[in-house]
Amino acid sequence: MIDTHLLALQLMAAQGALGAFDTLYHHEGTEALPRRGTAGRELAIHATRSSIYCALFLGLSAWAWHGAWAWVLLVVFGVEIVLTLWDFVVEDGSRLLPPTERVTHTVLAINAGAFIALLAMSAVGWAAQPTAMVWQPHGWLSAFLALCGVGVGISGLRDGFAARALFKQQKQAQVRAAQAPVRFGTTPQQVLVTGGTGFIGQILVRHLLADGHAVTVWTRDARGAAWGFGGAVRCVQSLDQIPAADAIDVVVNLAGARILGQRWSARRQRQLLQSREGLTQQLVAWIATRPRKPWLLLSGSAIGYYGVQPQGDATELAEDAPPQRIFMSTLCQRWERAAHAAVAHGVRVACLRFGFVLGHQGSLPQLLMPVQLGMGGRLGSGRQWLSWVHVHDLIRAIAHVWTVTESATDPVAAQAFNVTAPGAVSQEAFTRVAAGVLHRPCWMPTPAAPVKLLLGEQADLLLEGQRVVPAQLLRTGFQFMFPDARSALTDLCRPR
């Protein structure tokens, strides 16, 4: 005869293993829910469900719930079922689940239904017993279930803190938008955005919509992007899907594969060039076919254009500073040159050389993690310049360049704007400011040698730097909300 209680615990163990896969691969990996601005409610539900599963895994791993405890268990099962159904509704309303996640969730739901049914059968018998938590260990199975309980508890804390942070960010964005809305030009426009689903792109699109512009996003996953923007944005996988009769007034080109990560092998360099130069060439070729051309192309670039600056050299690099013959500089030069080709079609072109962008997403959370753990310190010598910009100032700078270019009377010519705050600092100084804002020590240095060994030439992004100044922005009257590192990090890191 089958021991239904033991079978239920075995199904729970399978649930723990599947849940760990779903959390690590989907929620933390491919979907990055803690960094997805629309995932706050989903993460809050996950945190609540995780706390319930933590209690179930730990409580059922080696105990039988007799008497009144059996009724508590049945109530907990009912709450879990309601939360699961609510989670399904919220997920489908906030994002498009990838096929692997949808299949995993289906299997998890079936498996949960099976072990809950089996345990409910046991609970009926337990209810007739005197109230007590009766010790009934099951060897390694009990140990594994207890381990699952600890793991899901930690995951619940992670989701709870992430949900809290996302709700605060959302509230902050709403307050800021109400107090100081960002204005792009003087009249509503039809805007095409590439890279609209990225860190900067998502924020830009929402500001454009708030300012009354109609937005089209060119993306590889048009269906998922349309879902993420709540249907407020037209999303296309091919530029040919934009009818010739639909005029596009402004193009904002932010697309490009992530620079920091894989080593810059010859293959990776080709991928990076294709994702920037190649895509921009496609964009300009499409502009050439349009019966009515956009009047403005705002094309992303980076301060890697200037190469690396010798440590100890405090020279300020404005837009007229020369590039270098190293890969990061060559990449930016070719990227900008591809954008400049739109000038031949009567389009005004502005290349925006972004510094290190500080925001709740992007690379800042990873950069701050050692500091938050109390293990921050200088990287390499710590003397390398770090030219950065708060993401809200970056959005405002895009709007400023748009507005300035709209009112310009000069002949069509490509321009470059350094989008960096005026308060460039050394890497060590930046880390010390971050540690001060977070109330953490700053004492653990990271040697340069392991970083170079791991990343090769790419290590220059971290170990070398440039002191870049926003000369063009300042000359045209732009005023930064966050001109220094302390004000920027305080805004992004302070509790609210």
Protein backbone atom coordinates (compact mmCIF):
# COMPACT_ATOMS: atom_id res chain seq x y z
CA MET A 1 0.00 0.00 0.00
CA ILE A 2 1.28 3.44 -0.93
CA ASP A 3 2.22 5.71 1.98
CA THR A 4 0.35 8.86 0.84
CA HIS A 5 2.11 11.04 3.42
CA LEU A 6 5.55 9.96 2.25
CA LEU A 7 4.51 10.44 -1.39
CA ALA A 8 3.31 13.96 -0.53
CA LEU A 9 6.68 14.81 0.99
CA GLN A 10 8.49 13.45 -2.07
CA LEU A 11 6.32 15.67 -4.29
CA MET A 12 7.16 18.59 -2.01
CA ALA A 13 10.86 17.86 -2.53
CA ALA A 14 10.29 17.94 -6.29
CA GLN A 15 8.44 21.25 -5.80
CA GLY A 16 11.45 22.65 -3.98
CA ALA A 17 13.84 21.64 -6.77
CA LEU A 18 11.56 23.00 -9.52
CA GLY A 19 10.95 26.20 -7.57
CA ALA A 20 14.68 26.76 -7.16
CA PHE A 21 15.16 26.36 -10.92
CA ASP A 22 12.30 28.76 -11.68
CA THR A 23 13.62 31.38 -9.25
CA LEU A 24 17.27 31.25 -10.33
CA TYR A 25 16.82 30.75 -14.07
CA HIS A 26 13.72 32.82 -14.74
CA HIS A 27 13.03 35.29 -11.94
CA GLU A 28 16.67 36.22 -11.25
CA GLY A 29 18.15 35.34 -14.66
CA THR A 30 16.25 35.72 -17.92
CA GLU A 31 13.42 37.90 -16.55
CA ALA A 32 15.43 39.81 -13.89
CA LEU A 33 12.26 40.58 -11.92
CA PRO A 34 14.00 42.50 -9.08
CA ARG A 35 15.18 45.02 -11.71
CA ARG A 36 11.93 45.14 -13.72
CA GLY A 37 10.03 48.30 -12.88
CA THR A 38 6.59 46.71 -13.36
CA ALA A 39 7.24 43.61 -11.22
CA GLY A 40 6.63 45.09 -7.75
CA ARG A 41 3.25 43.47 -7.16
CA GLU A 42 4.39 40.12 -8.57
CA LEU A 43 7.42 40.13 -6.28
CA ALA A 44 5.26 41.02 -3.28
CA ILE A 45 3.07 37.99 -4.00
CA HIS A 46 6.18 35.83 -4.45
CA ALA A 47 7.49 37.03 -1.09
CA THR A 48 4.22 36.10 0.64
CA ARG A 49 4.06 32.69 -1.04
CA SER A 50 7.70 32.04 -0.20
CA SER A 51 7.07 32.71 3.48
CA ILE A 52 4.22 30.19 3.38
CA TYR A 53 6.36 27.60 1.60
CA CYS A 54 9.16 28.23 4.08
CA ALA A 55 6.80 27.34 6.94
CA LEU A 56 5.43 24.32 5.07
CA PHE A 57 8.84 22.91 4.11
CA LEU A 58 10.26 23.37 7.61
CA GLY A 59 7.10 22.36 9.45
CA LEU A 60 6.27 19.27 7.40
CA SER A 61 9.84 18.06 6.93
CA ALA A 62 9.78 16.03 10.16
CA TRP A 63 6.50 16.75 11.96
CA ALA A 64 2.87 15.64 11.73
CA TRP A 65 0.36 18.40 12.47
CA HIS A 66 -2.22 16.91 14.83
CA GLY A 67 -5.46 18.34 16.20
CA ALA A 68 -5.91 22.10 15.77
CA TRP A 69 -2.64 22.26 13.83
CA ALA A 70 -4.29 20.17 11.09
CA TRP A 71 -6.94 22.85 10.63
CA VAL A 72 -4.22 25.52 10.51
CA LEU A 73 -2.54 23.48 7.76
CA LEU A 74 -5.76 23.31 5.73
CA VAL A 75 -6.24 27.08 6.04
CA VAL A 76 -2.64 27.64 4.88
CA PHE A 77 -3.32 25.41 1.86
CA GLY A 78 -6.38 27.52 1.00
CA VAL A 79 -4.39 30.76 1.25
CA GLU A 80 -1.65 29.30 -0.96
CA ILE A 81 -4.16 28.30 -3.64
CA VAL A 82 -5.67 31.82 -3.68
CA LEU A 83 -2.19 33.42 -3.88
CA THR A 84 -1.18 31.10 -6.73
CA LEU A 85 -4.24 32.07 -8.77
CA TRP A 86 -3.64 35.76 -8.02
CA ASP A 87 -0.01 35.36 -9.06
CA PHE A 88 -1.12 33.95 -12.43
CA VAL A 89 -3.40 36.96 -13.01
CA VAL A 90 -0.75 39.52 -12.03
CA GLU A 91 1.96 37.85 -14.16
CA ASP A 92 -0.25 37.82 -17.24
CA GLY A 93 -1.15 41.46 -16.71
CA SER A 94 2.39 42.77 -16.25
CA ARG A 95 4.62 40.74 -18.61
CA LEU A 96 4.68 38.09 -21.30
CA LEU A 97 6.09 34.91 -19.81
CA PRO A 98 8.66 33.02 -21.92
CA PRO A 99 7.61 29.47 -22.92
CA THR A 100 10.01 27.76 -20.50
CA GLU A 101 8.66 29.75 -17.55
CA ARG A 102 5.05 29.11 -18.50
CA VAL A 103 5.72 25.36 -18.76
CA THR A 104 7.59 25.39 -15.44
CA HIS A 105 4.74 27.22 -13.72
CA THR A 106 2.22 24.73 -15.11
CA VAL A 107 4.24 21.77 -13.82
CA LEU A 108 4.65 23.50 -10.44
CA ALA A 109 0.89 24.10 -10.20
CA ILE A 110 0.06 20.46 -11.05
CA ASN A 111 2.66 19.16 -8.61
CA ALA A 112 1.46 21.54 -5.87
CA GLY A 113 -2.12 20.42 -6.42
CA ALA A 114 -1.05 16.80 -6.02
CA PHE A 115 0.91 17.19 -2.77
CA ILE A 116 -1.67 19.55 -1.26
CA ALA A 117 -4.43 17.01 -2.00
CA LEU A 118 -2.40 14.19 -0.43
CA LEU A 119 -1.50 16.24 2.64
CA ALA A 120 -5.12 17.37 3.00
CA MET A 121 -6.09 13.70 3.16
CA SER A 122 -3.53 13.18 5.93
CA ALA A 123 -4.76 16.32 7.72
CA VAL A 124 -8.29 14.93 7.95
CA GLY A 125 -6.90 12.02 9.97
CA TRP A 126 -4.59 14.27 11.99
CA ALA A 127 -7.49 16.53 13.00
CA ALA A 128 -8.97 13.75 15.14
CA GLN A 129 -5.76 13.47 17.21
CA PRO A 130 -4.86 15.52 20.29
CA THR A 131 -3.34 18.88 19.33
CA ALA A 132 0.44 18.53 18.99
CA MET A 133 3.34 18.76 16.55
CA VAL A 134 4.46 15.13 16.43
CA TRP A 135 8.08 14.35 15.51
CA GLN A 136 8.13 12.06 12.42
CA PRO A 137 11.50 12.38 10.66
CA HIS A 138 12.15 10.83 7.24
CA GLY A 139 15.94 10.76 7.04
CA TRP A 140 17.55 12.52 4.08
CA LEU A 141 14.13 13.54 2.74
CA SER A 142 13.51 15.58 5.90
CA ALA A 143 16.95 17.18 5.63
CA PHE A 144 16.34 18.13 1.98
CA LEU A 145 12.91 19.60 2.77
CA ALA A 146 14.42 21.64 5.61
CA LEU A 147 17.10 22.91 3.21
CA CYS A 148 14.36 23.86 0.74
CA GLY A 149 12.62 25.74 3.53
CA VAL A 150 15.71 27.78 4.29
CA GLY A 151 16.28 28.48 0.58
CA VAL A 152 12.72 29.58 -0.13
CA GLY A 153 12.79 31.74 3.01
CA ILE A 154 15.88 33.56 1.76
CA SER A 155 14.24 33.93 -1.67
CA GLY A 156 11.16 35.40 0.00
CA LEU A 157 13.25 37.99 1.83
CA ARG A 158 15.00 38.86 -1.44
CA ASP A 159 11.65 39.30 -3.23
CA GLY A 160 10.18 41.27 -0.35
CA PHE A 161 13.04 43.77 -0.27
CA ALA A 162 13.02 44.02 -4.09
CA ALA A 163 9.27 44.66 -4.14
CA ARG A 164 9.66 47.35 -1.49
CA ALA A 165 12.43 49.02 -3.49
CA LEU A 166 10.40 48.90 -6.73
CA PHE A 167 7.33 50.41 -5.06
CA LYS A 168 9.50 53.22 -3.69
CA GLN A 169 11.11 53.80 -7.08
CA GLN A 170 7.69 53.96 -8.71
CA LYS A 171 6.46 56.46 -6.13
CA GLN A 172 9.62 58.54 -6.56
CA ALA A 173 9.19 58.58 -10.34
CA GLN A 174 5.54 59.66 -10.01
CA VAL A 175 6.42 62.48 -7.61
CA ARG A 176 9.31 63.65 -9.79
CA ALA A 177 7.17 63.54 -12.93
CA ALA A 178 4.50 65.62 -11.23
CA GLN A 179 6.93 68.16 -9.79
CA ALA A 180 9.27 68.53 -12.77
CA PRO A 181 7.98 66.85 -15.93
CA VAL A 182 10.52 66.33 -18.71
CA ARG A 183 9.63 68.19 -21.92
CA PHE A 184 10.90 66.96 -25.29
CA GLY A 185 10.62 69.80 -27.76
CA THR A 186 7.62 72.07 -28.11
CA THR A 187 5.05 69.86 -29.88
CA PRO A 188 4.03 66.18 -29.78
CA GLN A 189 6.03 64.07 -32.24
CA GLN A 190 6.07 60.58 -33.70
CA VAL A 191 9.17 58.96 -32.14
CA LEU A 192 11.01 55.76 -33.05
CA VAL A 193 13.15 54.30 -30.25
CA THR A 194 15.66 51.49 -30.66
CA GLY A 195 16.78 49.79 -27.47
CA GLY A 196 13.47 50.80 -25.94
CA THR A 197 13.31 47.73 -23.68
CA GLY A 198 16.71 48.36 -22.08
CA PHE A 199 17.51 50.13 -18.82
CA ILE A 200 17.61 53.64 -20.30
CA GLY A 201 15.13 52.94 -23.09
CA GLN A 202 12.27 51.90 -20.79
CA ILE A 203 12.61 55.06 -18.72
CA LEU A 204 12.86 57.23 -21.84
CA VAL A 205 9.75 55.69 -23.42
CA ARG A 206 7.68 56.31 -20.32
CA HIS A 207 8.80 59.95 -20.20
CA LEU A 208 8.00 60.37 -23.89
CA LEU A 209 4.50 58.97 -23.37
CA ALA A 210 3.98 61.24 -20.36
CA ASP A 211 4.92 64.22 -22.53
CA GLY A 212 2.30 63.33 -25.15
CA HIS A 213 4.48 61.78 -27.86
CA ALA A 214 3.51 58.71 -29.90
CA VAL A 215 6.22 56.06 -29.59
CA THR A 216 7.27 53.14 -31.78
CA VAL A 217 9.85 50.70 -30.41
CA TRP A 218 12.03 48.57 -32.71
CA THR A 219 12.83 45.39 -30.81
CA ARG A 220 13.51 41.68 -31.31
CA ASP A 221 10.55 40.73 -29.08
CA ALA A 222 7.73 43.00 -30.21
CA ARG A 223 4.99 41.04 -28.46
CA GLY A 224 6.79 41.00 -25.11
CA ALA A 225 7.68 44.69 -25.38
CA ALA A 226 4.10 45.69 -26.21
CA TRP A 227 2.95 43.71 -23.18
CA GLY A 228 5.52 45.41 -20.96
CA PHE A 229 4.39 48.88 -22.03
CA GLY A 230 0.75 48.00 -21.45
CA GLY A 231 -0.21 48.44 -25.11
CA ALA A 232 0.66 52.14 -25.04
CA VAL A 233 3.53 51.72 -27.52
CA ARG A 234 3.65 50.34 -31.06
CA CYS A 235 6.34 47.65 -31.15
CA VAL A 236 7.83 46.25 -34.36
CA GLN A 237 10.40 43.55 -35.06
CA SER A 238 11.23 44.96 -38.49
CA LEU A 239 11.41 48.55 -39.67
CA ASP A 240 9.44 47.47 -42.73
CA GLN A 241 6.44 47.05 -40.43
CA ILE A 242 6.24 50.85 -40.10
CA PRO A 243 4.03 52.02 -43.01
CA ALA A 244 5.56 54.62 -45.31
CA ALA A 245 2.50 56.78 -44.69
CA ASP A 246 3.29 56.92 -40.96
CA ALA A 247 5.71 59.80 -40.54
CA ILE A 248 8.47 59.39 -37.97
CA ASP A 249 9.69 62.77 -36.75
CA VAL A 250 12.45 61.81 -34.29
CA VAL A 251 14.60 58.69 -33.95
CA VAL A 252 16.37 57.87 -30.66
CA ASN A 253 18.93 55.12 -31.24
CA LEU A 254 19.89 53.37 -27.97
CA ALA A 255 20.30 49.79 -29.16
CA GLY A 256 23.47 47.82 -28.53
CA ALA A 257 24.68 44.62 -26.88
CA ARG A 258 26.05 44.89 -23.36
CA ILE A 259 29.71 45.94 -23.42
CA LEU A 260 30.83 44.64 -20.03
CA GLY A 261 30.73 40.87 -19.64
CA GLN A 262 32.21 38.42 -22.11
CA ARG A 263 35.87 38.80 -23.06
CA TRP A 264 36.48 40.83 -26.20
CA SER A 265 37.42 37.95 -28.46
CA ALA A 266 37.41 38.61 -32.20
CA ARG A 267 33.93 37.06 -32.36
CA ARG A 268 32.65 39.21 -29.49
CA GLN A 269 34.08 42.34 -31.08
CA ARG A 270 32.21 41.55 -34.31
CA GLN A 271 28.99 41.09 -32.30
CA LEU A 272 29.45 44.43 -30.55
CA LEU A 273 30.17 46.22 -33.80
CA GLN A 274 27.13 44.65 -35.44
CA SER A 275 24.87 45.59 -32.54
CA ARG A 276 25.94 49.23 -32.76
CA GLU A 277 27.49 50.15 -36.12
CA GLY A 278 25.55 47.50 -38.06
CA LEU A 279 22.18 48.33 -36.53
CA THR A 280 22.75 52.06 -37.00
CA GLN A 281 23.61 51.45 -40.65
CA GLN A 282 20.32 49.57 -41.03
CA LEU A 283 18.51 52.46 -39.40
CA VAL A 284 20.06 55.06 -41.71
CA ALA A 285 19.36 52.88 -44.76
CA TRP A 286 15.71 52.74 -43.68
CA ILE A 287 15.63 56.52 -43.24
CA ALA A 288 16.90 56.88 -46.81
CA THR A 289 13.83 55.01 -48.11
CA ARG A 290 11.28 57.11 -46.25
CA PRO A 291 9.24 59.53 -48.35
CA ARG A 292 9.28 61.90 -45.39
CA LYS A 293 12.51 61.81 -43.41
CA PRO A 294 12.81 62.29 -39.64
CA TRP A 295 14.17 65.73 -38.80
CA LEU A 296 16.32 64.47 -35.89
CA LEU A 297 18.41 61.41 -35.03
CA LEU A 298 19.65 61.21 -31.44
CA SER A 299 22.16 58.38 -31.48
CA GLY A 300 23.74 56.78 -28.44
CA SER A 301 27.49 56.57 -28.02
CA ALA A 302 29.82 56.39 -25.03
CA ILE A 303 32.77 58.17 -23.47
CA GLY A 304 34.82 55.14 -24.47
CA TYR A 305 35.23 57.26 -27.61
CA TYR A 306 38.15 58.99 -25.83
CA GLY A 307 39.94 55.74 -25.02
CA VAL A 308 41.80 55.75 -21.69
CA GLN A 309 43.44 58.60 -19.84
CA PRO A 310 46.78 58.13 -18.03
CA GLN A 311 46.27 57.95 -14.28
CA GLY A 312 47.37 61.18 -12.67
CA ASP A 313 46.38 63.16 -15.78
CA ALA A 314 43.64 65.60 -14.71
CA THR A 315 43.02 67.04 -18.20
CA GLU A 316 39.31 67.59 -18.84
CA LEU A 317 38.10 65.93 -22.04
CA ALA A 318 35.50 67.95 -23.92
CA GLU A 319 33.75 66.91 -27.12
CA ASP A 320 36.69 67.99 -29.29
CA ALA A 321 39.18 65.69 -27.51
CA PRO A 322 40.70 63.13 -29.93
CA PRO A 323 39.86 59.40 -29.93
CA GLN A 324 42.43 56.59 -29.65
CA ARG A 325 43.31 53.46 -31.59
CA ILE A 326 41.97 50.89 -29.13
CA PHE A 327 38.85 48.78 -29.47
CA MET A 328 36.50 50.70 -27.18
CA SER A 329 37.35 53.94 -28.97
CA THR A 330 37.16 52.39 -32.43
CA LEU A 331 33.75 50.92 -31.59
CA CYS A 332 32.37 54.33 -30.64
CA GLN A 333 33.96 56.04 -33.65
CA ARG A 334 32.41 53.58 -36.11
CA TRP A 335 29.07 53.76 -34.26
CA GLU A 336 29.00 57.56 -34.55
CA ARG A 337 30.21 57.52 -38.15
CA ALA A 338 27.28 55.26 -39.07
CA ALA A 339 24.89 57.78 -37.50
CA HIS A 340 26.56 60.73 -39.26
CA ALA A 341 25.51 59.22 -42.61
CA ALA A 342 21.94 60.37 -41.91
CA VAL A 343 23.07 63.98 -42.44
CA ALA A 344 23.18 63.26 -46.18
CA HIS A 345 19.40 62.74 -46.03
CA GLY A 346 18.74 66.10 -44.40
CA VAL A 347 18.50 64.71 -40.86
CA ARG A 348 20.02 66.57 -37.92
CA VAL A 349 22.26 64.18 -35.97
CA ALA A 350 23.41 64.41 -32.37
CA CYS A 351 25.63 61.69 -30.89
CA LEU A 352 25.22 61.34 -27.13
CA ARG A 353 28.36 60.07 -25.40
CA PHE A 354 27.07 58.52 -22.19
CA GLY A 355 29.20 58.15 -19.10
CA PHE A 356 28.60 55.51 -16.44
CA VAL A 357 24.84 55.71 -15.85
CA LEU A 358 23.66 55.63 -12.23
CA GLY A 359 20.21 54.19 -11.70
CA HIS A 360 18.26 51.49 -9.91
CA GLN A 361 18.96 49.21 -12.87
CA GLY A 362 22.06 48.94 -15.05
CA SER A 363 25.48 48.29 -13.54
CA LEU A 364 25.20 50.40 -10.38
CA PRO A 365 23.49 47.71 -8.22
CA GLN A 366 26.34 45.27 -9.02
CA LEU A 367 28.93 47.97 -8.37
CA LEU A 368 27.40 48.79 -4.99
CA MET A 369 26.96 45.20 -3.85
CA PRO A 370 30.47 44.88 -2.29
CA VAL A 371 29.94 48.24 -0.58
CA GLN A 372 26.57 47.12 0.82
CA LEU A 373 28.25 43.98 2.15
CA GLY A 374 30.87 46.11 3.90
CA MET A 375 33.66 45.02 1.54
CA GLY A 376 33.99 48.09 -0.69
CA GLY A 377 37.31 49.62 -1.59
CA ARG A 378 39.47 50.84 -4.41
CA LEU A 379 39.67 48.89 -7.67
CA GLY A 380 43.23 48.64 -8.91
CA SER A 381 44.96 51.89 -8.01
CA GLY A 382 41.62 53.64 -7.42
CA ARG A 383 43.04 56.75 -9.12
CA GLN A 384 41.27 56.17 -12.45
CA TRP A 385 38.67 58.79 -13.32
CA LEU A 386 34.99 57.82 -13.18
CA SER A 387 32.76 60.01 -15.32
CA TRP A 388 29.14 59.27 -14.46
CA VAL A 389 25.61 60.64 -14.85
CA HIS A 390 22.37 60.12 -12.92
CA VAL A 391 19.82 58.44 -15.18
CA HIS A 392 17.26 61.20 -14.61
CA ASP A 393 19.78 63.82 -15.74
CA LEU A 394 20.51 61.63 -18.77
CA ILE A 395 16.82 61.66 -19.75
CA ARG A 396 16.69 65.39 -19.19
CA ALA A 397 19.84 65.80 -21.32
CA ILE A 398 18.19 63.92 -24.20
CA ALA A 399 15.21 66.25 -23.92
CA HIS A 400 17.53 69.27 -23.78
CA VAL A 401 19.48 68.29 -26.90
CA TRP A 402 16.18 67.64 -28.70
CA THR A 403 14.83 71.07 -27.75
CA VAL A 404 18.06 72.92 -28.53
CA THR A 405 18.37 71.23 -31.92
CA GLU A 406 14.73 71.99 -32.72
CA SER A 407 15.35 75.71 -32.30
CA ALA A 408 18.75 75.76 -34.06
CA THR A 409 19.09 77.72 -37.29
CA ASP A 410 22.55 76.43 -38.24
CA PRO A 411 22.98 74.23 -41.32
CA VAL A 412 22.50 70.50 -40.82
CA ALA A 413 25.63 69.06 -39.19
CA ALA A 414 26.39 66.22 -36.82
CA GLN A 415 27.08 67.20 -33.23
CA ALA A 416 28.42 65.39 -30.17
CA PHE A 417 27.35 65.87 -26.56
CA ASN A 418 29.10 64.40 -23.55
CA VAL A 419 26.34 63.20 -21.22
CA THR A 420 28.26 63.13 -17.94
CA ALA A 421 27.86 65.06 -14.72
CA PRO A 422 30.42 67.86 -14.18
CA GLY A 423 31.59 66.17 -10.97
CA ALA A 424 33.87 63.40 -12.25
CA VAL A 425 35.75 61.71 -9.40
CA SER A 426 38.33 58.99 -8.94
CA GLN A 427 37.05 55.43 -8.54
CA GLU A 428 38.24 55.32 -4.95
CA ALA A 429 36.57 58.64 -4.13
CA PHE A 430 33.31 57.43 -5.69
CA THR A 431 33.42 54.24 -3.61
CA ARG A 432 34.09 56.23 -0.44
CA VAL A 433 31.10 58.47 -1.16
CA ALA A 434 28.93 55.39 -1.77
CA ALA A 435 30.14 53.83 1.47
CA GLY A 436 29.34 57.04 3.34
CA VAL A 437 25.83 57.24 1.88
CA LEU A 438 25.21 53.57 2.73
CA HIS A 439 26.90 53.87 6.16
CA ARG A 440 29.38 51.10 5.37
CA PRO A 441 33.16 50.82 5.76
CA CYS A 442 35.46 51.23 2.75
CA TRP A 443 38.57 49.16 3.32
CA MET A 444 38.94 46.15 1.00
CA PRO A 445 40.99 46.83 -2.18
CA THR A 446 40.64 44.69 -5.31
CA PRO A 447 43.98 44.11 -7.10
CA ALA A 448 44.15 44.89 -10.80
CA ALA A 449 45.87 41.64 -11.85
CA PRO A 450 42.90 39.25 -11.39
CA VAL A 451 40.58 41.68 -13.19
CA LYS A 452 42.97 41.90 -16.16
CA LEU A 453 43.36 38.12 -16.21
CA LEU A 454 39.60 37.64 -16.22
CA LEU A 455 38.56 40.36 -18.67
CA GLY A 456 41.63 41.04 -20.83
CA GLU A 457 41.45 44.33 -22.73
CA GLN A 458 37.94 44.85 -21.39
CA ALA A 459 39.45 45.43 -17.94
CA ASP A 460 40.34 48.96 -19.12
CA LEU A 461 36.64 49.82 -18.64
CA LEU A 462 37.12 49.28 -14.91
CA LEU A 463 40.81 49.94 -14.27
CA GLU A 464 41.33 52.97 -16.53
CA GLY A 465 39.13 55.98 -17.03
CA GLN A 466 38.54 59.39 -18.53
CA ARG A 467 37.80 62.75 -16.98
CA VAL A 468 35.01 63.81 -19.32
CA VAL A 469 33.18 67.11 -19.02
CA PRO A 470 29.76 68.01 -20.52
CA ALA A 471 31.02 71.12 -22.26
CA GLN A 472 28.32 71.24 -24.95
CA LEU A 473 25.47 70.65 -22.51
CA LEU A 474 26.71 73.39 -20.20
CA ARG A 475 27.38 75.77 -23.09
CA THR A 476 23.76 75.37 -24.28
CA GLY A 477 22.33 76.06 -20.82
CA PHE A 478 21.69 72.62 -19.36
CA GLN A 479 21.52 72.48 -15.56
CA PHE A 480 22.15 69.21 -13.72
CA MET A 481 19.85 68.12 -10.91
CA PHE A 482 22.64 65.85 -9.63
CA PRO A 483 25.99 67.51 -10.36
CA ASP A 484 28.02 65.58 -7.77
CA ALA A 485 28.31 61.93 -6.74
CA ARG A 486 26.97 62.44 -3.22
CA SER A 487 23.71 64.01 -4.37
CA ALA A 488 23.21 61.32 -7.03
CA LEU A 489 23.94 58.37 -4.74
CA THR A 490 21.88 59.86 -1.93
CA ASP A 491 18.90 60.12 -4.29
CA LEU A 492 19.32 56.52 -5.47
CA CYS A 493 20.30 54.84 -2.20
CA ARG A 494 18.57 56.67 0.62
CA PRO A 495 15.62 54.94 2.33
CA ARG A 496 12.24 56.46 1.54
